[in-house]
Protein backbone atom coordinates (compact mmCIF):
# COMPACT_ATOMS: atom_id res chain seq x y z
CA MET A 1 -16.15 -4.56 9.31
CA GLY A 2 -13.30 -6.92 10.20
CA LYS A 3 -12.05 -7.53 13.71
CA SER A 4 -13.07 -5.40 16.65
CA PHE A 5 -10.66 -3.08 18.37
CA VAL A 6 -10.68 -5.41 21.39
CA GLU A 7 -9.55 -8.35 19.22
CA ALA A 8 -6.98 -6.19 17.46
CA ARG A 9 -5.51 -4.87 20.70
CA HIS A 10 -5.31 -8.43 21.99
CA ASP A 11 -3.39 -9.54 18.86
CA LEU A 12 -0.96 -6.65 19.09
CA LYS A 13 -0.39 -7.20 22.79
CA PHE A 14 1.27 -10.54 22.11
CA GLN A 15 3.40 -9.47 19.14
CA ASP A 16 7.12 -10.22 19.32
CA ARG A 17 8.66 -6.78 19.95
CA SER A 18 12.22 -8.03 20.47
CA LEU A 19 15.28 -6.47 18.87
CA ARG A 20 16.32 -9.10 16.33
CA ASP A 21 17.57 -9.46 12.78
CA LYS A 22 14.46 -9.33 10.57
CA ARG A 23 16.10 -9.59 7.16
CA LEU A 24 14.33 -12.07 4.88
CA THR A 25 13.93 -12.79 1.20
CA LEU A 26 10.75 -11.50 -0.40
CA PRO A 27 9.09 -14.95 -0.61
CA GLU A 28 10.03 -15.63 3.02
CA ALA A 29 8.55 -12.34 4.19
CA LEU A 30 5.33 -12.79 2.22
CA ALA A 31 4.82 -16.38 3.39
CA SER A 32 2.95 -14.96 6.39
CA VAL A 33 0.22 -13.54 4.11
CA ALA A 34 -2.78 -15.87 4.04
CA ASP A 35 -5.75 -16.16 1.70
CA GLY A 36 -8.50 -13.81 2.86
CA ASP A 37 -6.18 -11.31 4.55
CA HIS A 38 -6.73 -7.57 4.46
CA ILE A 39 -3.60 -5.90 3.10
CA ALA A 40 -2.97 -2.19 3.63
CA ILE A 41 -0.62 -0.80 1.00
CA GLY A 42 1.84 1.98 1.71
CA GLY A 43 2.63 4.95 -0.46
CA CYS A 44 0.05 6.87 -2.47
CA LEU A 45 -1.08 6.48 -6.10
CA TYR A 46 2.18 5.87 -8.02
CA SER A 47 4.41 7.19 -5.25
CA ARG A 48 6.43 4.64 -3.29
CA THR A 49 4.17 1.71 -4.21
CA PRO A 50 5.59 -1.60 -2.90
CA LEU A 51 5.25 -3.10 -6.37
CA ALA A 52 7.98 -5.72 -6.02
CA ALA A 53 6.18 -7.21 -3.02
CA LEU A 54 2.71 -6.92 -4.56
CA MET A 55 3.79 -8.65 -7.78
CA GLU A 56 5.57 -11.39 -5.85
CA LEU A 57 2.39 -11.96 -3.86
CA LEU A 58 0.49 -12.42 -7.12
CA ARG A 59 3.05 -15.04 -8.20
CA MET A 60 2.43 -16.86 -4.92
CA GLY A 61 -1.21 -17.33 -5.89
CA ARG A 62 -2.93 -15.78 -2.88
CA SER A 63 -6.68 -15.26 -3.22
CA ASP A 64 -9.68 -13.53 -1.63
CA LEU A 65 -7.51 -10.62 -0.46
CA THR A 66 -8.91 -7.25 0.55
CA LEU A 67 -6.70 -4.33 -0.52
CA SER A 68 -6.85 -0.89 1.04
CA ARG A 69 -4.82 2.20 0.21
CA SER A 70 -5.21 5.97 0.47
CA LEU A 71 -5.10 6.39 -3.32
CA MET A 72 -4.87 3.13 -5.26
CA CYS A 73 -3.08 2.91 -8.58
CA TYR A 74 -3.29 0.14 -11.18
CA GLU A 75 -2.03 -2.50 -8.72
CA GLY A 76 -5.71 -2.85 -7.78
CA GLU A 77 -6.56 -3.63 -11.41
CA LEU A 78 -3.88 -6.32 -11.54
CA TYR A 79 -5.27 -7.99 -8.42
CA LEU A 80 -8.78 -7.95 -9.85
CA ALA A 81 -7.68 -9.37 -13.20
CA ALA A 82 -5.53 -12.05 -11.57
CA GLY A 83 -8.41 -13.17 -9.36
CA ALA A 84 -6.42 -12.37 -6.21
CA SER A 85 -8.90 -9.82 -4.85
CA LYS A 86 -12.60 -9.05 -5.09
CA HIS A 87 -12.70 -6.27 -2.49
CA LEU A 88 -10.92 -2.94 -2.84
CA MET A 89 -11.09 -0.13 -0.31
CA THR A 90 -9.81 3.34 -1.23
CA SER A 91 -10.79 6.90 -2.06
CA TRP A 92 -9.55 6.75 -5.67
CA MET A 93 -8.32 4.13 -8.10
CA ALA A 94 -6.44 4.64 -11.35
CA ILE A 95 -3.24 6.35 -12.51
CA GLY A 96 -5.20 9.53 -13.18
CA LEU A 97 -3.76 12.59 -14.95
CA PRO A 98 -3.74 11.98 -18.72
CA TRP A 99 -4.54 8.27 -18.24
CA GLY A 100 -7.97 8.88 -16.73
CA ILE A 101 -9.97 6.82 -14.26
CA SER A 102 -10.12 3.05 -14.06
CA GLY A 103 -12.35 1.44 -16.64
CA THR A 104 -11.21 -1.93 -15.31
CA LEU A 105 -12.60 -1.18 -11.85
CA ARG A 106 -15.88 -0.06 -13.37
CA HIS A 107 -16.14 -3.30 -15.37
CA TYR A 108 -15.55 -5.53 -12.36
CA VAL A 109 -17.86 -3.61 -10.03
CA GLU A 110 -20.73 -3.16 -12.50
CA SER A 111 -20.57 -6.84 -13.44
CA GLY A 112 -20.78 -7.84 -9.80
CA ALA A 113 -17.38 -9.53 -9.89
CA ALA A 114 -15.85 -7.21 -7.27
CA GLU A 115 -16.78 -4.81 -4.50
CA PHE A 116 -15.46 -1.25 -4.34
CA GLU A 117 -15.70 0.23 -0.85
CA GLU A 118 -15.25 3.98 -1.23
CA TRP A 119 -14.22 6.34 1.55
CA SER A 120 -13.09 9.92 1.45
CA HIS A 121 -9.33 10.34 1.60
CA LEU A 122 -9.56 11.84 5.08
CA ALA A 123 -12.00 9.21 6.36
CA LEU A 124 -9.77 6.33 5.28
CA GLY A 125 -6.81 8.05 6.89
CA LEU A 126 -8.79 8.41 10.10
CA ARG A 127 -9.69 4.72 9.99
CA TYR A 128 -5.99 3.84 9.86
CA ARG A 129 -5.28 6.43 12.57
CA ALA A 130 -7.91 4.93 14.86
CA GLY A 131 -6.38 1.50 14.29
CA ALA A 132 -2.96 2.88 15.12
CA MET A 133 -4.33 4.42 18.32
CA GLY A 134 -6.11 1.22 19.31
CA VAL A 135 -9.49 2.92 19.63
CA PRO A 136 -12.77 1.75 18.04
CA PHE A 137 -13.53 4.90 16.03
CA LEU A 138 -12.71 8.56 15.48
CA PRO A 139 -15.14 11.48 15.08
CA THR A 140 -15.06 13.73 12.02
CA VAL A 141 -17.27 15.89 9.83
CA THR A 142 -15.93 14.46 6.57
CA MET A 143 -18.45 12.73 4.26
CA LEU A 144 -21.48 14.19 6.07
CA GLY A 145 -22.30 16.28 3.03
CA SER A 146 -22.00 13.45 0.50
CA ASP A 147 -23.61 10.16 -0.46
CA LEU A 148 -20.49 8.37 0.80
CA HIS A 149 -21.70 8.73 4.35
CA ARG A 150 -24.97 6.97 3.57
CA HIS A 151 -23.26 3.99 1.92
CA ALA A 152 -20.21 3.59 4.15
CA ALA A 153 -20.04 1.73 7.46
CA THR A 154 -20.24 4.92 9.51
CA LYS A 155 -22.36 6.03 12.44
CA GLU A 156 -23.63 9.42 13.56
CA MET A 157 -23.82 11.07 16.93
CA VAL A 158 -24.49 14.47 18.42
CA ASP A 159 -21.38 16.22 19.66
CA PRO A 160 -21.99 16.62 23.41
CA PHE A 161 -20.08 19.90 23.46
CA SER A 162 -21.58 21.76 20.51
CA GLY A 163 -24.76 19.84 19.76
CA GLU A 164 -23.70 19.48 16.12
CA ARG A 165 -24.05 16.28 14.10
CA ILE A 166 -20.76 14.41 13.58
CA CYS A 167 -19.67 11.31 11.70
CA LEU A 168 -17.94 8.37 13.38
CA VAL A 169 -15.57 6.30 11.22
CA PRO A 170 -14.64 2.81 12.47
CA ALA A 171 -11.05 1.80 13.11
CA LEU A 172 -9.31 -0.33 10.50
CA PHE A 173 -7.06 -3.19 11.60
CA PRO A 174 -5.47 -4.85 8.55
CA GLU A 175 -3.94 -8.28 8.92
CA VAL A 176 -0.93 -7.12 6.89
CA ALA A 177 0.73 -3.82 5.99
CA ILE A 178 3.20 -3.76 3.10
CA VAL A 179 5.30 -0.62 2.66
CA HIS A 180 8.30 0.33 0.55
CA VAL A 181 10.79 2.75 2.07
CA HIS A 182 14.08 4.45 1.33
CA ARG A 183 16.15 2.72 3.98
CA ALA A 184 15.91 0.41 6.95
CA ASP A 185 18.31 -1.36 9.23
CA GLN A 186 18.36 -5.09 9.95
CA PHE A 187 16.09 -4.68 12.96
CA GLY A 188 13.31 -2.81 11.12
CA ASN A 189 13.94 0.83 11.99
CA VAL A 190 12.67 2.71 8.94
CA GLN A 191 13.35 6.04 7.28
CA ILE A 192 11.34 7.62 4.47
CA ASP A 193 12.47 10.61 2.45
CA GLY A 194 9.76 13.02 1.40
CA TYR A 195 6.10 12.76 2.32
CA PRO A 196 5.35 9.65 4.44
CA HIS A 197 1.68 9.47 3.36
CA MET A 198 -0.30 7.23 5.77
CA ASP A 199 2.42 4.63 6.25
CA ALA A 200 3.12 5.20 9.95
CA ASP A 201 -0.56 4.69 10.81
CA ILE A 202 -1.11 1.57 8.70
CA VAL A 203 2.03 0.04 10.17
CA LYS A 204 0.84 0.64 13.73
CA ALA A 205 -2.68 -0.60 12.91
CA ALA A 206 -1.64 -3.85 11.20
CA ARG A 207 -0.99 -7.21 12.83
CA THR A 208 1.94 -8.06 10.51
CA VAL A 209 4.23 -5.48 8.89
CA ILE A 210 6.40 -6.26 5.88
CA VAL A 211 8.91 -3.60 4.81
CA THR A 212 10.80 -3.56 1.54
CA ALA A 213 13.63 -1.04 1.35
CA GLU A 214 15.79 0.45 -1.34
CA GLU A 215 18.72 -0.36 0.93
CA ILE A 216 19.43 -1.90 4.30
CA VAL A 217 21.97 0.21 6.17
CA ASP A 218 23.89 -0.07 9.41
CA THR A 219 22.00 0.91 12.55
CA GLU A 220 24.61 3.55 13.35
CA GLU A 221 23.76 5.30 10.09
CA MET A 222 20.12 5.41 11.15
CA ARG A 223 21.04 6.76 14.59
CA ALA A 224 23.13 9.52 13.04
CA ASP A 225 19.89 11.07 11.77
CA GLY A 226 17.37 9.46 14.11
CA ALA A 227 14.77 12.22 13.74
CA ARG A 228 14.04 10.90 10.24
CA THR A 229 13.00 7.48 11.53
CA VAL A 230 9.30 7.21 10.70
CA PHE A 231 8.57 4.03 12.65
CA PRO A 232 10.77 1.87 14.88
CA TYR A 233 11.89 -1.75 14.87
CA TYR A 234 9.23 -3.02 17.27
CA ALA A 235 6.47 -2.19 14.77
CA VAL A 236 8.07 -4.25 11.96
CA ASP A 237 8.06 -8.02 11.39
CA ALA A 238 10.15 -8.45 8.22
CA VAL A 239 12.64 -6.38 6.23
CA VAL A 240 13.65 -7.09 2.64
CA GLU A 241 16.22 -5.18 0.61
CA VAL A 242 14.72 -4.54 -2.86
CA PRO A 243 16.46 -1.85 -4.94
CA TYR A 244 13.99 -0.20 -7.32
CA GLY A 245 11.25 -1.94 -5.34
CA ALA A 246 8.62 0.61 -6.41
CA TYR A 247 9.63 0.86 -10.09
CA PRO A 248 8.09 1.76 -12.53
CA HIS A 249 6.37 3.91 -9.91
CA GLU A 250 8.36 6.72 -8.36
CA MET A 251 10.56 6.85 -5.29
CA TYR A 252 11.13 10.40 -4.06
CA GLY A 253 14.74 11.43 -4.59
CA ALA A 254 15.73 8.00 -5.90
CA TYR A 255 13.97 7.55 -9.25
CA ASP A 256 11.09 9.01 -11.20
CA ALA A 257 8.07 7.12 -12.55
CA ASP A 258 8.29 5.52 -15.99
CA PHE A 259 5.44 7.29 -17.78
CA ASP A 260 6.15 5.41 -21.02
CA HIS A 261 5.40 2.18 -19.17
CA PHE A 262 2.16 3.70 -17.92
CA ASP A 263 1.26 4.42 -21.56
CA THR A 264 1.96 0.79 -22.43
CA TYR A 265 -0.14 -0.49 -19.58
CA VAL A 266 -3.15 1.75 -20.21
CA GLY A 267 -2.99 0.93 -23.92
CA LEU A 268 -3.26 -2.76 -23.08
CA THR A 269 -6.23 -2.21 -20.75
CA LYS A 270 -8.20 -0.90 -23.71
CA GLU A 271 -7.71 -4.15 -25.61
CA GLU A 272 -9.59 -7.39 -25.12
CA GLY A 273 -7.52 -9.52 -22.74
CA GLY A 274 -4.90 -6.79 -22.46
CA ILE A 275 -4.46 -6.87 -18.69
CA GLU A 276 -4.10 -10.65 -18.82
CA ARG A 277 -1.30 -10.21 -21.38
CA TYR A 278 0.36 -7.65 -19.12
CA LEU A 279 0.19 -10.07 -16.20
CA GLU A 280 1.64 -12.86 -18.31
CA GLU A 281 4.56 -10.76 -19.52
CA PHE A 282 5.45 -8.66 -16.51
CA VAL A 283 4.21 -10.63 -13.49
CA PHE A 284 3.81 -14.36 -14.10
CA GLY A 285 6.26 -14.42 -17.01
CA VAL A 286 9.21 -13.40 -14.85
CA ALA A 287 10.71 -15.21 -11.88
CA ASP A 288 11.19 -12.21 -9.60
CA HIS A 289 11.60 -8.45 -9.43
CA ALA A 290 15.11 -8.58 -10.88
CA GLU A 291 13.78 -10.26 -14.02
CA PHE A 292 10.94 -7.75 -14.14
CA LEU A 293 13.42 -4.86 -14.11
CA ALA A 294 15.36 -6.57 -16.91
CA THR A 295 12.33 -6.21 -19.20
CA PHE A 296 12.90 -2.45 -19.38
CA ASP A 297 15.10 -0.83 -21.99
CA GLU A 298 18.75 -0.56 -21.05
CA GLY A 299 19.40 2.70 -19.26
CA ALA A 300 15.75 3.29 -18.28
CA LEU A 301 16.45 2.84 -14.58
CA GLY A 302 19.47 5.12 -14.73
CA ALA A 303 17.48 7.77 -16.55
CA ALA A 304 14.73 7.56 -13.93
CA ALA A 305 17.31 8.00 -11.17
CA GLU A 306 18.90 10.97 -12.94
CA CYS A 307 15.51 12.61 -13.41
CA ALA A 308 14.76 12.29 -9.69
CA ALA A 309 18.17 13.70 -8.81
CA GLU A 310 17.64 16.64 -11.16
CA LEU A 311 14.37 17.53 -9.43
CA LEU A 312 16.24 17.85 -6.12
CA ARG A 313 18.87 20.20 -7.49
């Protein structure tokens, strides 16, 4: 269940909310992540995944991590295969579409090597929302008609107004939130183009917030369109500029996903030791995200950017 809402509120009460320069390198920002931490991941499926940060964290050798995300993509598989996590919390895991569901997750869970904690998409969102609000739980009717309710850490009560049965989902207070965004300033004010997913809630619920951004811009540029600021500087602990920080996943309006790379990855997962070979080539075999990007064919990043631009026309 993690920490109580009383403990979480106490932690957040003493956070440094000052206006200060929060720009760091990726290793510096991730140094605050400890073994055993619960990490909430921003974005959704292969949209705006903070892959640069997640891969760097694997290179740093962290272990016993819990990962949660609204819809988890194959980053969860990489953490299982690398031995960095044995506990995943989400409502779905895999790339989906023509690539299907995660056989890797099934292998690890059925063998007893990992735990998959499944929540409905709405219930997990409400858990983050309760954490963001600083309350112990939120009421809902989601999951009452499914087996999820019987296996999840929920409670029931009778609605005092209607007399109907309702489900109570507990608040979620991650130790760390990692999100990738379109732009931020040096203080941690953040803007996201397109759908923000659950990012604002996981940021407000987490003790430590690490933001990677396609670009760090001047504060005056942020103020010129302040209504687009999704969460403010006092909710953020570290900011790192990482162009193409979600690639080969997509970044709305900036670049499209690299579906050919997805084909390569899924093909490897069907081979004995394939994920380990992927990790060796694309994660542990490169020094950083810049070297990872260099493994792609020349022009691939430009083509992805052009495809995203075309969709906006």
